[in-house]
Each structure stands twice: as structure tokens, then as C-alpha cells.
Amino acid sequence: MLNLDDKITILENYLSQNEDNYADSFKTDISMFIGDFETKNSNLTFLKNLSSREEIEDWVNKLTSRIILKFNEDEEQLSDFIFYTLNP
């Protein structure tokens, strides 16, 4: 089982991988929103509900998909959209 430090490392590494597609272009925005990749960062509490590398990567992929499908830059800021996704 992964501890929180391991999960944070996996998330940080996955967000730093860019495959030059439109969805991956939002990984930088997600990283900037999260801020410090440290255990004391409250933006990372969602990781407690995830237990594997695959779940963490799926979470990022779902978030980038939601951004593509639902984010309306005329009505809100991307940071607000990410915040409300992390804190439903």
C-alpha cells in the first residue's frame, strides 16, 4: 500500500509528463493550482481516497477530461474549476 509521500510523488511525476496533446496541456495548470507537493498541503487531501498509481493517473485523466468538456473560460477561472472539482 502506498503512503501519502509515495502518492504525492506519483502525482507530481505524472503531472510533469506531457505528451503534447490538448489534455496534457492542463497538467501544468493543475500542478500550479496544487502548489507545493508536500504532505501538509491541503490541496492533496484527495489522495487519501486513492490507493494505487493507476487510480492517481485515472484521477488526473478524469480531471483533464472534465476541463475539456465542462470548463467555460468566459464564466470562470480554471483555478476555480479545479478547486470545485477537488472540493465537491
N, C-alpha and C. Protein backbone atom coordinates (compact mmCIF):
# COMPACT_ATOMS: atom_id res chain seq x y z
N MET A 1 0.84 -1.18 0.00
CA MET A 1 0.00 0.00 0.00
C MET A 1 0.89 1.25 0.00
N LEU A 2 0.47 2.22 -0.76
CA LEU A 2 1.25 3.46 -0.88
C LEU A 2 0.97 4.39 0.29
N ASN A 3 2.03 5.02 0.79
CA ASN A 3 1.82 6.04 1.82
C ASN A 3 1.61 7.38 1.11
N LEU A 4 1.27 8.41 1.87
CA LEU A 4 0.94 9.70 1.28
C LEU A 4 2.13 10.29 0.51
N ASP A 5 3.33 10.14 1.03
CA ASP A 5 4.51 10.65 0.32
C ASP A 5 4.67 9.99 -1.04
N ASP A 6 4.44 8.67 -1.11
CA ASP A 6 4.52 7.95 -2.37
C ASP A 6 3.47 8.45 -3.36
N LYS A 7 2.26 8.65 -2.86
CA LYS A 7 1.17 9.14 -3.71
C LYS A 7 1.48 10.53 -4.26
N ILE A 8 2.02 11.37 -3.41
CA ILE A 8 2.37 12.73 -3.84
C ILE A 8 3.44 12.68 -4.93
N THR A 9 4.42 11.82 -4.76
CA THR A 9 5.49 11.67 -5.75
C THR A 9 4.93 11.18 -7.08
N ILE A 10 4.04 10.20 -7.02
CA ILE A 10 3.42 9.68 -8.23
C ILE A 10 2.64 10.78 -8.93
N LEU A 11 1.85 11.53 -8.18
CA LEU A 11 1.05 12.61 -8.75
C LEU A 11 1.96 13.67 -9.39
N GLU A 12 2.96 14.10 -8.67
CA GLU A 12 3.87 15.13 -9.18
C GLU A 12 4.56 14.65 -10.46
N ASN A 13 5.02 13.42 -10.47
CA ASN A 13 5.69 12.89 -11.67
C ASN A 13 4.73 12.78 -12.84
N TYR A 14 3.51 12.33 -12.58
CA TYR A 14 2.54 12.18 -13.67
C TYR A 14 2.15 13.54 -14.24
N LEU A 15 1.99 14.53 -13.37
CA LEU A 15 1.64 15.86 -13.84
C LEU A 15 2.78 16.50 -14.63
N SER A 16 4.00 16.07 -14.41
CA SER A 16 5.13 16.65 -15.13
C SER A 16 5.36 15.98 -16.49
N GLN A 17 4.65 14.88 -16.76
CA GLN A 17 4.77 14.20 -18.05
C GLN A 17 3.81 14.85 -19.04
N ASN A 18 4.33 15.32 -20.13
CA ASN A 18 3.49 15.90 -21.17
C ASN A 18 3.71 15.16 -22.47
N GLU A 19 2.61 14.76 -23.08
CA GLU A 19 2.68 14.03 -24.33
C GLU A 19 2.25 14.90 -25.50
N ASP A 20 2.28 16.19 -25.29
CA ASP A 20 1.97 17.15 -26.35
C ASP A 20 0.57 16.95 -26.96
N ASN A 21 -0.40 16.63 -26.11
CA ASN A 21 -1.77 16.63 -26.60
C ASN A 21 -2.55 17.67 -25.78
N TYR A 22 -3.73 17.97 -26.23
CA TYR A 22 -4.51 19.05 -25.62
C TYR A 22 -4.80 18.78 -24.14
N ALA A 23 -5.18 17.57 -23.81
CA ALA A 23 -5.49 17.24 -22.42
C ALA A 23 -4.27 17.42 -21.51
N ASP A 24 -3.12 17.00 -21.98
CA ASP A 24 -1.90 17.13 -21.17
C ASP A 24 -1.51 18.58 -20.95
N SER A 25 -1.98 19.46 -21.79
CA SER A 25 -1.63 20.87 -21.62
C SER A 25 -2.18 21.44 -20.31
N PHE A 26 -3.18 20.78 -19.73
CA PHE A 26 -3.76 21.25 -18.47
C PHE A 26 -3.03 20.73 -17.24
N LYS A 27 -2.11 19.79 -17.43
CA LYS A 27 -1.37 19.25 -16.29
C LYS A 27 -0.57 20.34 -15.58
N THR A 28 -0.01 21.25 -16.33
CA THR A 28 0.74 22.36 -15.73
C THR A 28 -0.17 23.22 -14.87
N ASP A 29 -1.38 23.49 -15.37
CA ASP A 29 -2.34 24.28 -14.60
C ASP A 29 -2.73 23.58 -13.30
N ILE A 30 -2.91 22.28 -13.37
CA ILE A 30 -3.25 21.50 -12.18
C ILE A 30 -2.10 21.56 -11.18
N SER A 31 -0.88 21.40 -11.67
CA SER A 31 0.30 21.48 -10.79
C SER A 31 0.39 22.84 -10.12
N MET A 32 0.16 23.90 -10.89
CA MET A 32 0.23 25.25 -10.32
C MET A 32 -0.86 25.45 -9.27
N PHE A 33 -2.06 24.90 -9.52
CA PHE A 33 -3.12 25.03 -8.54
C PHE A 33 -2.76 24.30 -7.25
N ILE A 34 -2.26 23.09 -7.38
CA ILE A 34 -1.91 22.30 -6.20
C ILE A 34 -0.84 23.00 -5.38
N GLY A 35 0.14 23.56 -6.05
CA GLY A 35 1.21 24.27 -5.33
C GLY A 35 2.29 23.30 -4.88
N ASP A 36 2.65 23.39 -3.62
CA ASP A 36 3.71 22.54 -3.08
C ASP A 36 3.26 21.09 -2.99
N PHE A 37 4.10 20.20 -3.44
CA PHE A 37 3.80 18.77 -3.35
C PHE A 37 4.39 18.25 -2.04
N GLU A 38 3.74 18.65 -0.95
CA GLU A 38 4.17 18.26 0.39
C GLU A 38 2.96 17.75 1.17
N THR A 39 3.19 16.90 2.14
CA THR A 39 2.10 16.28 2.89
C THR A 39 1.22 17.30 3.61
N LYS A 40 1.75 18.45 3.97
CA LYS A 40 0.97 19.45 4.69
C LYS A 40 0.04 20.26 3.79
N ASN A 41 0.13 20.08 2.48
CA ASN A 41 -0.69 20.83 1.54
C ASN A 41 -2.12 20.27 1.53
N SER A 42 -3.07 21.10 1.91
CA SER A 42 -4.47 20.64 1.99
C SER A 42 -5.07 20.35 0.62
N ASN A 43 -4.47 20.84 -0.45
CA ASN A 43 -4.97 20.53 -1.80
C ASN A 43 -4.72 19.08 -2.18
N LEU A 44 -3.94 18.37 -1.38
CA LEU A 44 -3.61 16.98 -1.69
C LEU A 44 -4.39 15.97 -0.84
N THR A 45 -5.35 16.43 -0.07
CA THR A 45 -6.10 15.50 0.79
C THR A 45 -6.90 14.48 -0.01
N PHE A 46 -7.25 14.79 -1.25
CA PHE A 46 -7.99 13.84 -2.09
C PHE A 46 -7.20 12.55 -2.31
N LEU A 47 -5.89 12.61 -2.17
CA LEU A 47 -5.05 11.42 -2.38
C LEU A 47 -5.32 10.34 -1.35
N LYS A 48 -5.88 10.70 -0.21
CA LYS A 48 -6.19 9.70 0.81
C LYS A 48 -7.20 8.68 0.30
N ASN A 49 -8.03 9.09 -0.67
CA ASN A 49 -9.06 8.20 -1.22
C ASN A 49 -8.55 7.35 -2.38
N LEU A 50 -7.32 7.56 -2.78
CA LEU A 50 -6.74 6.83 -3.90
C LEU A 50 -5.66 5.89 -3.36
N SER A 51 -5.59 4.69 -3.91
CA SER A 51 -4.68 3.71 -3.32
C SER A 51 -3.64 3.14 -4.26
N SER A 52 -3.63 3.55 -5.52
CA SER A 52 -2.65 2.98 -6.44
C SER A 52 -2.22 4.02 -7.48
N ARG A 53 -1.15 3.72 -8.15
CA ARG A 53 -0.66 4.57 -9.24
C ARG A 53 -1.75 4.74 -10.30
N GLU A 54 -2.41 3.66 -10.64
CA GLU A 54 -3.45 3.70 -11.66
C GLU A 54 -4.60 4.63 -11.25
N GLU A 55 -5.00 4.56 -9.99
CA GLU A 55 -6.08 5.43 -9.52
C GLU A 55 -5.67 6.91 -9.57
N ILE A 56 -4.44 7.19 -9.24
CA ILE A 56 -3.95 8.57 -9.28
C ILE A 56 -3.91 9.07 -10.72
N GLU A 57 -3.39 8.26 -11.63
CA GLU A 57 -3.33 8.65 -13.03
C GLU A 57 -4.74 8.78 -13.62
N ASP A 58 -5.65 7.89 -13.25
CA ASP A 58 -7.03 7.99 -13.71
C ASP A 58 -7.69 9.27 -13.20
N TRP A 59 -7.37 9.64 -11.96
CA TRP A 59 -7.93 10.87 -11.40
C TRP A 59 -7.50 12.07 -12.23
N VAL A 60 -6.20 12.13 -12.57
CA VAL A 60 -5.69 13.23 -13.40
C VAL A 60 -6.36 13.21 -14.77
N ASN A 61 -6.48 12.05 -15.36
CA ASN A 61 -7.09 11.94 -16.68
C ASN A 61 -8.55 12.36 -16.66
N LYS A 62 -9.27 12.00 -15.61
CA LYS A 62 -10.67 12.42 -15.49
C LYS A 62 -10.78 13.92 -15.30
N LEU A 63 -9.89 14.49 -14.51
CA LEU A 63 -9.92 15.93 -14.30
C LEU A 63 -9.63 16.67 -15.60
N THR A 64 -8.63 16.24 -16.35
CA THR A 64 -8.34 16.91 -17.61
C THR A 64 -9.50 16.74 -18.60
N SER A 65 -10.16 15.60 -18.57
CA SER A 65 -11.33 15.40 -19.43
C SER A 65 -12.46 16.34 -19.04
N ARG A 66 -12.69 16.50 -17.73
CA ARG A 66 -13.72 17.43 -17.27
C ARG A 66 -13.40 18.85 -17.70
N ILE A 67 -12.14 19.22 -17.61
CA ILE A 67 -11.74 20.57 -18.02
C ILE A 67 -12.09 20.77 -19.50
N ILE A 68 -11.76 19.79 -20.32
CA ILE A 68 -12.02 19.90 -21.76
C ILE A 68 -13.52 19.98 -22.03
N LEU A 69 -14.29 19.15 -21.34
CA LEU A 69 -15.73 19.07 -21.63
C LEU A 69 -16.57 20.14 -20.96
N LYS A 70 -16.20 20.58 -19.77
CA LYS A 70 -17.09 21.43 -18.99
C LYS A 70 -16.58 22.82 -18.65
N PHE A 71 -15.29 23.04 -18.73
CA PHE A 71 -14.74 24.33 -18.34
C PHE A 71 -15.13 25.39 -19.36
N ASN A 72 -15.66 26.50 -18.87
CA ASN A 72 -16.03 27.62 -19.73
C ASN A 72 -15.23 28.83 -19.28
N GLU A 73 -14.20 29.16 -20.01
CA GLU A 73 -13.30 30.22 -19.60
C GLU A 73 -13.97 31.59 -19.59
N ASP A 74 -15.13 31.73 -20.24
CA ASP A 74 -15.85 33.00 -20.21
C ASP A 74 -16.60 33.21 -18.90
N GLU A 75 -16.84 32.12 -18.17
CA GLU A 75 -17.65 32.19 -16.96
C GLU A 75 -16.88 31.97 -15.66
N GLU A 76 -15.69 31.37 -15.73
CA GLU A 76 -14.96 31.08 -14.51
C GLU A 76 -13.46 30.98 -14.79
N GLN A 77 -12.71 31.01 -13.72
CA GLN A 77 -11.27 30.82 -13.80
C GLN A 77 -10.97 29.32 -13.72
N LEU A 78 -9.91 28.90 -14.38
CA LEU A 78 -9.53 27.48 -14.33
C LEU A 78 -9.22 27.05 -12.90
N SER A 79 -8.59 27.91 -12.13
CA SER A 79 -8.27 27.56 -10.74
C SER A 79 -9.54 27.32 -9.93
N ASP A 80 -10.60 28.09 -10.18
CA ASP A 80 -11.87 27.86 -9.50
C ASP A 80 -12.48 26.53 -9.91
N PHE A 81 -12.40 26.22 -11.19
CA PHE A 81 -12.93 24.95 -11.70
C PHE A 81 -12.21 23.78 -11.03
N ILE A 82 -10.91 23.85 -10.94
CA ILE A 82 -10.14 22.78 -10.30
C ILE A 82 -10.48 22.70 -8.83
N PHE A 83 -10.60 23.85 -8.17
CA PHE A 83 -10.94 23.87 -6.74
C PHE A 83 -12.27 23.17 -6.50
N TYR A 84 -13.29 23.50 -7.29
CA TYR A 84 -14.60 22.89 -7.08
C TYR A 84 -14.60 21.41 -7.45
N THR A 85 -13.71 21.00 -8.30
CA THR A 85 -13.58 19.57 -8.60
C THR A 85 -12.95 18.83 -7.43
N LEU A 86 -11.96 19.46 -6.80
CA LEU A 86 -11.30 18.85 -5.64
C LEU A 86 -12.16 18.88 -4.38
N ASN A 87 -13.04 19.88 -4.30
CA ASN A 87 -13.87 20.08 -3.10
C ASN A 87 -15.34 20.13 -3.48
N PRO A 88 -15.90 18.98 -3.83
CA PRO A 88 -17.31 18.97 -4.30
C PRO A 88 -18.29 19.39 -3.22
